[in-house]
Amino acid sequence: MNTRPQPQQPPPLAPAPYPDPAAILVGVPALDEEAHIAACLRSLVNGSPAMRAVRIVVADGGSRDRTRAVVESLQLGLPNLMLIDNPDRLQSAAMNRIVATCAAPAHRVLVRCDAHAIYPRGYVLDAAASLLDRDAAAVASAMDATGSTGFARAAAWIADTPLGSGGARHRGGARSGWVDHGHHAAIRLDWFQRVGGYDPAFSHNEDAELDHRLGRAGGRVWLDAGLRLAYVTRPTLPALAGQYWRYGRGRARTILKHRARPRLRQVLPPAALVGAALGIAGAPLNPWALLLPGLYLATLAGASLAGAVRLRAASGLWAGPAAGTMHLAWAAGFLRECLAWRLAPAPRGLRQPRTSFKSD
């Protein structure tokens, strides 16, 4: 009989305690989100009694549908849910207003949530814990695009591939690490106030612009691949085009405002748009000019075939048109903003924000 003492196994590590719910402020900008706001808010509070102690604020930008009525009906069962007005309409201004009017001295963490997203159980508490567990000014989450229609599913699939996102790590990414920018999950309120909050003139890309200022001030952004959210893709091609047009304009504004050097993935879409336009224009003089547009169309055709195989449905063929729409609409918005900047060296809306923050 073996009487040798067996090595003792170390006790399992206890899970890190969640932060005090009273230290967390959740902001949800909303505008005409009747179809999504209830599912978003329910996903935030479901599965954790502690979320009943977290202040959740919806800032409505003047919705013309039943968004406000839906939130007011949910308030009957959620006394911690607040609804405020956002007369400036934009998401950036909404988050600034939430902090300025609803932040209490006890709040340490601001969690930004999107009315168009569905959140997994414990998302808010996990985001706050991830932020406070490391030396980060902000924590970003990974986004998994989803869709309810055939087109939206194809667009969601291609959006999370390198062809659709250009390799952005927060789009369907699986690796955690320090990043220059990611989809905002949580930010320390003292850092948010230190750099002046979001630029309220930005309709899109305000999170990347804020991350740029955080980095210049010495703050770091941690991408936590364990924090994931399902983002509902736009349901039609025109809606997708409008969204990416605004994305392109927002990215150009950030680059121009800070005189930053664009990344390769931000240069390629405008280059493809200009190259395709020049190729088509030059085709009557030289048929070889169609080589670049032809290669691009072939790439999109390949994406359509891959989408049909991956989704096991003919609707996957929308992947190519969706990718082309994202690229070209983004590029057109980017170039439009660059042209506006060139014609007006100090256009309205690119000034540093002057938002002041007060706690109640």
Protein backbone atom coordinates (compact mmCIF):
# COMPACT_ATOMS: atom_id res chain seq x y z
CA MET A 1 0.00 0.00 0.00
CA ASN A 2 1.37 3.38 -1.00
CA THR A 3 1.51 5.60 2.09
CA ARG A 4 3.49 8.39 0.52
CA PRO A 5 1.76 11.71 1.06
CA GLN A 6 0.08 13.00 -2.03
CA PRO A 7 0.86 16.52 -3.18
CA GLN A 8 -1.85 18.92 -2.16
CA GLN A 9 -3.69 20.71 -4.92
CA PRO A 10 -3.90 24.47 -4.51
CA PRO A 11 -7.40 25.66 -3.70
CA PRO A 12 -9.31 27.02 -6.68
CA LEU A 13 -9.05 30.73 -7.14
CA ALA A 14 -12.15 32.57 -6.06
CA PRO A 15 -13.73 34.63 -8.80
CA ALA A 16 -12.93 38.31 -8.63
CA PRO A 17 -15.73 40.12 -6.81
CA TYR A 18 -17.90 42.40 -8.87
CA PRO A 19 -17.60 46.12 -8.20
CA ASP A 20 -20.24 47.84 -6.14
CA PRO A 21 -23.29 48.28 -8.44
CA ALA A 22 -23.72 51.78 -7.02
CA ALA A 23 -20.35 52.68 -8.60
CA ILE A 24 -21.61 51.99 -12.13
CA LEU A 25 -23.48 54.37 -14.43
CA VAL A 26 -24.93 52.93 -17.67
CA GLY A 27 -25.67 55.25 -20.58
CA VAL A 28 -27.91 54.28 -23.52
CA PRO A 29 -28.28 56.89 -26.29
CA ALA A 30 -31.49 56.36 -28.28
CA LEU A 31 -33.24 57.84 -31.29
CA ASP A 32 -36.20 56.11 -32.95
CA GLU A 33 -35.32 52.74 -31.42
CA GLU A 34 -38.85 51.47 -30.72
CA ALA A 35 -38.04 48.12 -32.35
CA HIS A 36 -34.89 47.49 -30.28
CA ILE A 37 -34.84 49.44 -27.02
CA ALA A 38 -36.91 47.03 -24.92
CA ALA A 39 -34.81 43.99 -25.87
CA CYS A 40 -31.65 45.97 -25.19
CA LEU A 41 -32.71 47.12 -21.72
CA ARG A 42 -34.07 43.72 -20.73
CA SER A 43 -30.81 42.08 -21.77
CA LEU A 44 -28.92 44.49 -19.51
CA VAL A 45 -30.90 43.66 -16.35
CA ASN A 46 -31.73 39.98 -16.90
CA GLY A 47 -29.84 37.34 -14.98
CA SER A 48 -28.34 39.49 -12.22
CA PRO A 49 -30.27 40.93 -9.26
CA ALA A 50 -27.36 43.34 -8.71
CA MET A 51 -28.32 45.17 -11.90
CA ARG A 52 -31.38 46.50 -10.05
CA ALA A 53 -28.94 48.73 -8.14
CA VAL A 54 -27.16 50.05 -11.22
CA ARG A 55 -28.33 53.42 -12.52
CA ILE A 56 -29.35 53.00 -16.18
CA VAL A 57 -30.04 56.17 -18.14
CA VAL A 58 -31.64 56.36 -21.59
CA ALA A 59 -30.99 59.69 -23.33
CA ASP A 60 -33.61 60.15 -26.03
CA GLY A 61 -32.72 62.41 -28.94
CA GLY A 62 -36.29 63.34 -29.83
CA SER A 63 -37.66 60.05 -31.10
CA ARG A 64 -40.70 60.28 -33.38
CA ASP A 65 -41.73 56.68 -32.75
CA ARG A 66 -42.71 54.98 -29.45
CA THR A 67 -39.20 54.78 -28.00
CA ARG A 68 -40.05 57.02 -25.05
CA ALA A 69 -43.32 55.19 -24.35
CA VAL A 70 -41.50 51.84 -24.32
CA VAL A 71 -38.89 53.11 -21.85
CA GLU A 72 -41.56 54.68 -19.63
CA SER A 73 -43.45 51.38 -19.51
CA LEU A 74 -40.27 49.56 -18.46
CA GLN A 75 -39.70 52.09 -15.67
CA LEU A 76 -42.73 50.69 -13.84
CA GLY A 77 -40.72 47.56 -13.05
CA LEU A 78 -37.26 49.13 -13.03
CA PRO A 79 -36.99 52.04 -10.58
CA ASN A 80 -33.30 52.37 -11.43
CA LEU A 81 -34.12 53.18 -15.07
CA MET A 82 -34.10 56.87 -15.98
CA LEU A 83 -35.18 58.69 -19.14
CA ILE A 84 -33.74 62.09 -20.02
CA ASP A 85 -33.89 64.34 -23.07
CA ASN A 86 -30.99 64.80 -25.45
CA PRO A 87 -31.88 67.92 -27.48
CA ASP A 88 -28.60 67.67 -29.41
CA ARG A 89 -29.75 64.26 -30.77
CA LEU A 90 -26.25 62.82 -31.33
CA GLN A 91 -24.92 59.85 -29.34
CA SER A 92 -21.79 61.73 -28.33
CA ALA A 93 -23.85 64.57 -26.85
CA ALA A 94 -26.15 62.01 -25.18
CA MET A 95 -23.30 60.39 -23.25
CA ASN A 96 -21.94 63.78 -22.18
CA ARG A 97 -25.40 64.82 -20.98
CA ILE A 98 -25.83 61.55 -19.05
CA VAL A 99 -22.58 62.15 -17.19
CA ALA A 100 -23.25 65.84 -16.64
CA THR A 101 -26.77 65.37 -15.24
CA CYS A 102 -26.94 61.84 -13.82
CA ALA A 103 -23.49 60.94 -12.47
CA ALA A 104 -23.33 60.74 -8.69
CA PRO A 105 -20.17 61.15 -6.55
CA ALA A 106 -20.16 57.38 -5.95
CA HIS A 107 -19.99 56.56 -9.66
CA ARG A 108 -16.57 55.38 -10.82
CA VAL A 109 -17.38 53.55 -14.06
CA LEU A 110 -19.34 54.63 -17.11
CA VAL A 111 -20.67 51.77 -19.26
CA ARG A 112 -21.89 52.75 -22.70
CA CYS A 113 -24.54 50.57 -24.28
CA ASP A 114 -26.05 50.65 -27.76
CA ALA A 115 -29.82 50.54 -28.14
CA HIS A 116 -29.30 48.42 -31.27
CA ALA A 117 -27.45 45.66 -29.39
CA ILE A 118 -28.39 42.62 -27.30
CA TYR A 119 -26.14 42.06 -24.28
CA PRO A 120 -25.21 38.75 -22.64
CA ARG A 121 -25.99 38.16 -18.99
CA GLY A 122 -23.66 39.98 -16.64
CA TYR A 123 -22.24 42.21 -19.38
CA VAL A 124 -22.34 45.47 -17.41
CA LEU A 125 -20.85 43.98 -14.24
CA ASP A 126 -18.24 42.06 -16.22
CA ALA A 127 -17.24 45.20 -18.13
CA ALA A 128 -16.87 47.21 -14.93
CA ALA A 129 -14.89 44.43 -13.24
CA SER A 130 -12.59 44.08 -16.26
CA LEU A 131 -11.91 47.82 -16.18
CA LEU A 132 -11.20 48.04 -12.46
CA ASP A 133 -9.04 44.89 -12.44
CA ARG A 134 -6.34 46.44 -14.64
CA ASP A 135 -4.56 49.72 -15.26
CA ALA A 136 -6.83 50.81 -18.10
CA ALA A 137 -8.63 54.05 -18.80
CA ALA A 138 -11.20 52.17 -20.86
CA VAL A 139 -12.22 48.64 -21.77
CA ALA A 140 -13.50 47.68 -25.22
CA SER A 141 -15.66 44.70 -26.10
CA ALA A 142 -15.81 42.44 -29.13
CA MET A 143 -18.80 42.84 -31.44
CA ASP A 144 -20.48 39.89 -33.13
CA ALA A 145 -22.72 41.13 -35.94
CA THR A 146 -26.05 39.41 -36.40
CA GLY A 147 -29.10 39.82 -38.60
CA SER A 148 -32.70 38.65 -38.82
CA THR A 149 -33.15 38.72 -42.62
CA GLY A 150 -31.25 36.95 -45.37
CA PHE A 151 -29.50 40.15 -46.42
CA ALA A 152 -28.70 41.14 -42.83
CA ARG A 153 -27.21 37.73 -42.04
CA ALA A 154 -24.96 37.92 -45.10
CA ALA A 155 -23.93 41.49 -44.23
CA ALA A 156 -23.28 40.47 -40.62
CA TRP A 157 -21.07 37.57 -41.69
CA ILE A 158 -18.94 39.65 -44.06
CA ALA A 159 -18.70 42.53 -41.57
CA ASP A 160 -16.81 40.31 -39.12
CA THR A 161 -14.26 39.13 -41.70
CA PRO A 162 -11.04 40.96 -42.65
CA LEU A 163 -12.64 41.92 -45.98
CA GLY A 164 -15.50 43.61 -44.19
CA SER A 165 -13.76 45.14 -41.16
CA GLY A 166 -10.21 45.54 -42.43
CA GLY A 167 -8.94 43.43 -39.55
CA ALA A 168 -10.30 45.64 -36.74
CA ARG A 169 -9.71 43.53 -33.63
CA HIS A 170 -13.00 44.40 -31.93
CA ARG A 171 -15.07 43.13 -34.88
CA GLY A 172 -15.53 39.44 -34.10
CA GLY A 173 -12.06 39.28 -32.54
CA ALA A 174 -10.98 36.47 -30.23
CA ARG A 175 -7.79 37.88 -28.66
CA SER A 176 -7.58 40.25 -25.71
CA GLY A 177 -4.89 42.89 -25.53
CA TRP A 178 -4.02 46.57 -25.54
CA VAL A 179 -5.42 48.45 -28.54
CA ASP A 180 -5.52 52.02 -29.82
CA HIS A 181 -9.28 51.81 -30.23
CA GLY A 182 -12.19 49.45 -29.75
CA HIS A 183 -15.95 49.49 -29.28
CA HIS A 184 -16.47 51.24 -25.95
CA ALA A 185 -17.70 49.05 -23.14
CA ALA A 186 -16.56 50.81 -19.97
CA ILE A 187 -14.50 53.88 -19.17
CA ARG A 188 -13.34 55.29 -15.88
CA LEU A 189 -15.37 58.38 -15.14
CA ASP A 190 -12.35 60.32 -13.92
CA TRP A 191 -10.60 59.69 -17.26
CA PHE A 192 -13.77 60.57 -19.18
CA GLN A 193 -14.02 63.89 -17.40
CA ARG A 194 -10.29 64.55 -17.54
CA VAL A 195 -10.20 64.52 -21.36
CA GLY A 196 -13.51 66.38 -21.75
CA GLY A 197 -15.84 63.51 -22.70
CA TYR A 198 -16.94 62.87 -26.26
CA ASP A 199 -16.69 65.58 -28.88
CA PRO A 200 -20.40 66.49 -29.15
CA ALA A 201 -20.00 67.47 -32.81
CA PHE A 202 -19.22 63.90 -33.86
CA SER A 203 -22.16 61.86 -35.13
CA HIS A 204 -19.95 58.79 -35.70
CA ASN A 205 -16.45 57.65 -34.71
CA GLU A 206 -16.74 59.62 -31.48
CA ASP A 207 -15.39 56.63 -29.54
CA ALA A 208 -12.23 56.43 -31.68
CA GLU A 209 -11.76 60.19 -31.36
CA LEU A 210 -12.05 59.94 -27.58
CA ASP A 211 -9.62 57.00 -27.53
CA HIS A 212 -7.12 59.15 -29.42
CA ARG A 213 -7.31 61.84 -26.73
CA LEU A 214 -7.08 59.21 -23.99
CA GLY A 215 -3.90 57.87 -25.56
CA ARG A 216 -2.35 61.32 -25.81
CA ALA A 217 -3.15 61.91 -22.13
CA GLY A 218 -1.51 58.61 -21.10
CA GLY A 219 -4.61 56.43 -20.83
CA ARG A 220 -4.74 52.93 -22.30
CA VAL A 221 -7.57 50.87 -23.83
CA TRP A 222 -7.88 47.16 -23.12
CA LEU A 223 -9.79 44.94 -25.55
CA ASP A 224 -11.44 42.18 -23.50
CA ALA A 225 -12.42 39.44 -25.96
CA GLY A 226 -14.44 37.82 -23.19
CA LEU A 227 -16.83 40.77 -23.33
CA ARG A 228 -19.00 40.17 -26.37
CA LEU A 229 -22.17 41.71 -27.66
CA ALA A 230 -24.47 40.89 -30.53
CA TYR A 231 -24.92 43.87 -32.83
CA VAL A 232 -27.98 43.96 -35.11
CA THR A 233 -26.92 44.72 -38.70
CA ARG A 234 -28.89 47.18 -40.82
CA PRO A 235 -31.65 45.29 -42.67
CA THR A 236 -31.33 46.82 -46.16
CA LEU A 237 -28.61 47.86 -48.58
CA PRO A 238 -29.55 51.60 -48.49
CA ALA A 239 -29.58 51.60 -44.69
CA LEU A 240 -26.17 49.92 -44.63
CA ALA A 241 -24.83 52.46 -47.13
CA GLY A 242 -26.05 55.38 -45.01
CA GLN A 243 -24.48 53.92 -41.89
CA TYR A 244 -21.06 53.43 -43.52
CA TRP A 245 -21.20 56.84 -45.21
CA ARG A 246 -21.45 58.33 -41.72
CA TYR A 247 -18.71 56.02 -40.43
CA GLY A 248 -16.37 57.24 -43.18
CA ARG A 249 -17.12 60.89 -42.43
CA GLY A 250 -16.51 60.32 -38.73
CA ARG A 251 -13.17 58.62 -39.29
CA ALA A 252 -12.02 61.44 -41.59
CA ARG A 253 -12.99 64.02 -38.98
CA THR A 254 -10.91 62.24 -36.35
CA ILE A 255 -7.86 62.03 -38.61
CA LEU A 256 -8.17 65.65 -39.73
CA LYS A 257 -8.88 67.05 -36.28
CA HIS A 258 -5.77 65.44 -34.78
CA ARG A 259 -3.61 65.44 -37.92
CA ALA A 260 -3.21 61.71 -37.43
CA ARG A 261 -1.79 59.24 -39.94
CA PRO A 262 -4.48 56.88 -41.28
CA ARG A 263 -3.96 53.14 -41.05
CA LEU A 264 -3.66 50.99 -44.15
CA ARG A 265 -7.20 49.62 -43.73
CA GLN A 266 -8.47 53.22 -43.73
CA VAL A 267 -6.57 54.09 -46.92
CA LEU A 268 -7.64 51.08 -48.97
CA PRO A 269 -11.38 51.88 -49.40
CA PRO A 270 -10.81 55.42 -50.75
CA ALA A 271 -8.02 54.10 -52.96
CA ALA A 272 -10.34 51.39 -54.31
CA LEU A 273 -13.11 53.91 -54.98
CA VAL A 274 -10.80 56.34 -56.78
CA GLY A 275 -9.06 53.52 -58.65
CA ALA A 276 -12.35 52.02 -59.81
CA ALA A 277 -13.67 55.41 -60.94
CA LEU A 278 -10.48 56.19 -62.87
CA GLY A 279 -10.46 52.70 -64.38
CA ILE A 280 -14.02 52.99 -65.66
CA ALA A 281 -13.38 56.51 -66.98
CA GLY A 282 -10.21 55.43 -68.75
CA ALA A 283 -11.63 52.23 -70.28
CA PRO A 284 -12.63 53.85 -73.60
CA LEU A 285 -9.00 54.87 -74.11
CA ASN A 286 -7.36 51.72 -72.75
CA PRO A 287 -9.29 48.54 -71.89
CA TRP A 288 -6.52 47.59 -69.44
CA ALA A 289 -7.83 50.38 -67.22
CA LEU A 290 -10.63 48.00 -66.23
CA LEU A 291 -8.15 45.65 -64.57
CA LEU A 292 -8.48 47.17 -61.09
CA PRO A 293 -12.30 47.42 -61.15
CA GLY A 294 -12.42 43.88 -62.53
CA LEU A 295 -10.21 42.50 -59.76
CA TYR A 296 -12.35 44.24 -57.17
CA LEU A 297 -15.57 42.84 -58.63
CA ALA A 298 -13.98 39.39 -58.72
CA THR A 299 -13.12 39.73 -55.03
CA LEU A 300 -16.71 40.65 -54.20
CA ALA A 301 -17.99 37.75 -56.30
CA GLY A 302 -15.74 35.42 -54.35
CA ALA A 303 -17.09 36.87 -51.12
CA SER A 304 -20.64 36.16 -52.32
CA LEU A 305 -19.80 32.53 -53.07
CA ALA A 306 -18.07 32.15 -49.71
CA GLY A 307 -21.08 33.69 -47.98
CA ALA A 308 -23.48 31.28 -49.66
CA VAL A 309 -21.32 28.33 -48.60
CA ARG A 310 -20.79 29.57 -45.05
CA LEU A 311 -24.45 30.42 -44.44
CA ARG A 312 -25.69 27.43 -46.45
CA ALA A 313 -28.26 29.64 -48.12
CA ALA A 314 -28.63 31.54 -51.36
CA SER A 315 -29.06 34.72 -49.30
CA GLY A 316 -25.36 34.45 -48.53
CA LEU A 317 -24.77 35.80 -52.04
CA TRP A 318 -25.58 39.21 -50.56
CA ALA A 319 -22.19 39.13 -48.83
CA GLY A 320 -20.38 40.57 -51.85
CA PRO A 321 -22.79 43.46 -52.47
CA ALA A 322 -22.82 44.19 -48.74
CA ALA A 323 -19.01 44.33 -48.62
CA GLY A 324 -18.88 46.57 -51.67
CA THR A 325 -21.49 48.87 -50.15
CA MET A 326 -19.57 49.11 -46.88
CA HIS A 327 -16.28 49.85 -48.67
CA LEU A 328 -17.54 52.39 -51.19
CA ALA A 329 -20.00 54.20 -48.90
CA TRP A 330 -17.30 54.49 -46.22
CA ALA A 331 -14.83 55.75 -48.82
CA ALA A 332 -17.29 58.27 -50.25
CA GLY A 333 -18.03 59.65 -46.77
CA PHE A 334 -14.33 59.79 -45.98
CA LEU A 335 -13.45 61.66 -49.17
CA ARG A 336 -16.42 64.00 -48.82
CA GLU A 337 -15.27 65.03 -45.35
CA CYS A 338 -11.68 65.49 -46.54
CA LEU A 339 -12.92 67.72 -49.37
CA ALA A 340 -15.05 69.77 -46.98
CA TRP A 341 -12.03 70.23 -44.72
CA ARG A 342 -9.92 71.30 -47.68
CA LEU A 343 -12.45 73.89 -48.77
CA ALA A 344 -13.04 75.16 -45.22
CA PRO A 345 -9.89 74.81 -43.05
CA ALA A 346 -11.86 75.25 -39.82
CA PRO A 347 -15.27 73.71 -40.46
CA ARG A 348 -17.96 73.88 -37.86
CA GLY A 349 -17.97 70.98 -35.44
CA LEU A 350 -14.23 70.21 -35.33
CA ARG A 351 -13.51 72.38 -32.31
CA GLN A 352 -12.46 70.89 -29.01
CA PRO A 353 -15.50 70.18 -26.81
CA ARG A 354 -16.29 72.62 -24.02
CA THR A 355 -18.59 70.36 -22.07
CA SER A 356 -18.56 70.88 -18.32
CA PHE A 357 -19.49 68.06 -15.97
CA LYS A 358 -21.34 68.40 -12.69
CA SER A 359 -22.30 65.67 -10.25
CA ASP A 360 -25.51 65.71 -8.29
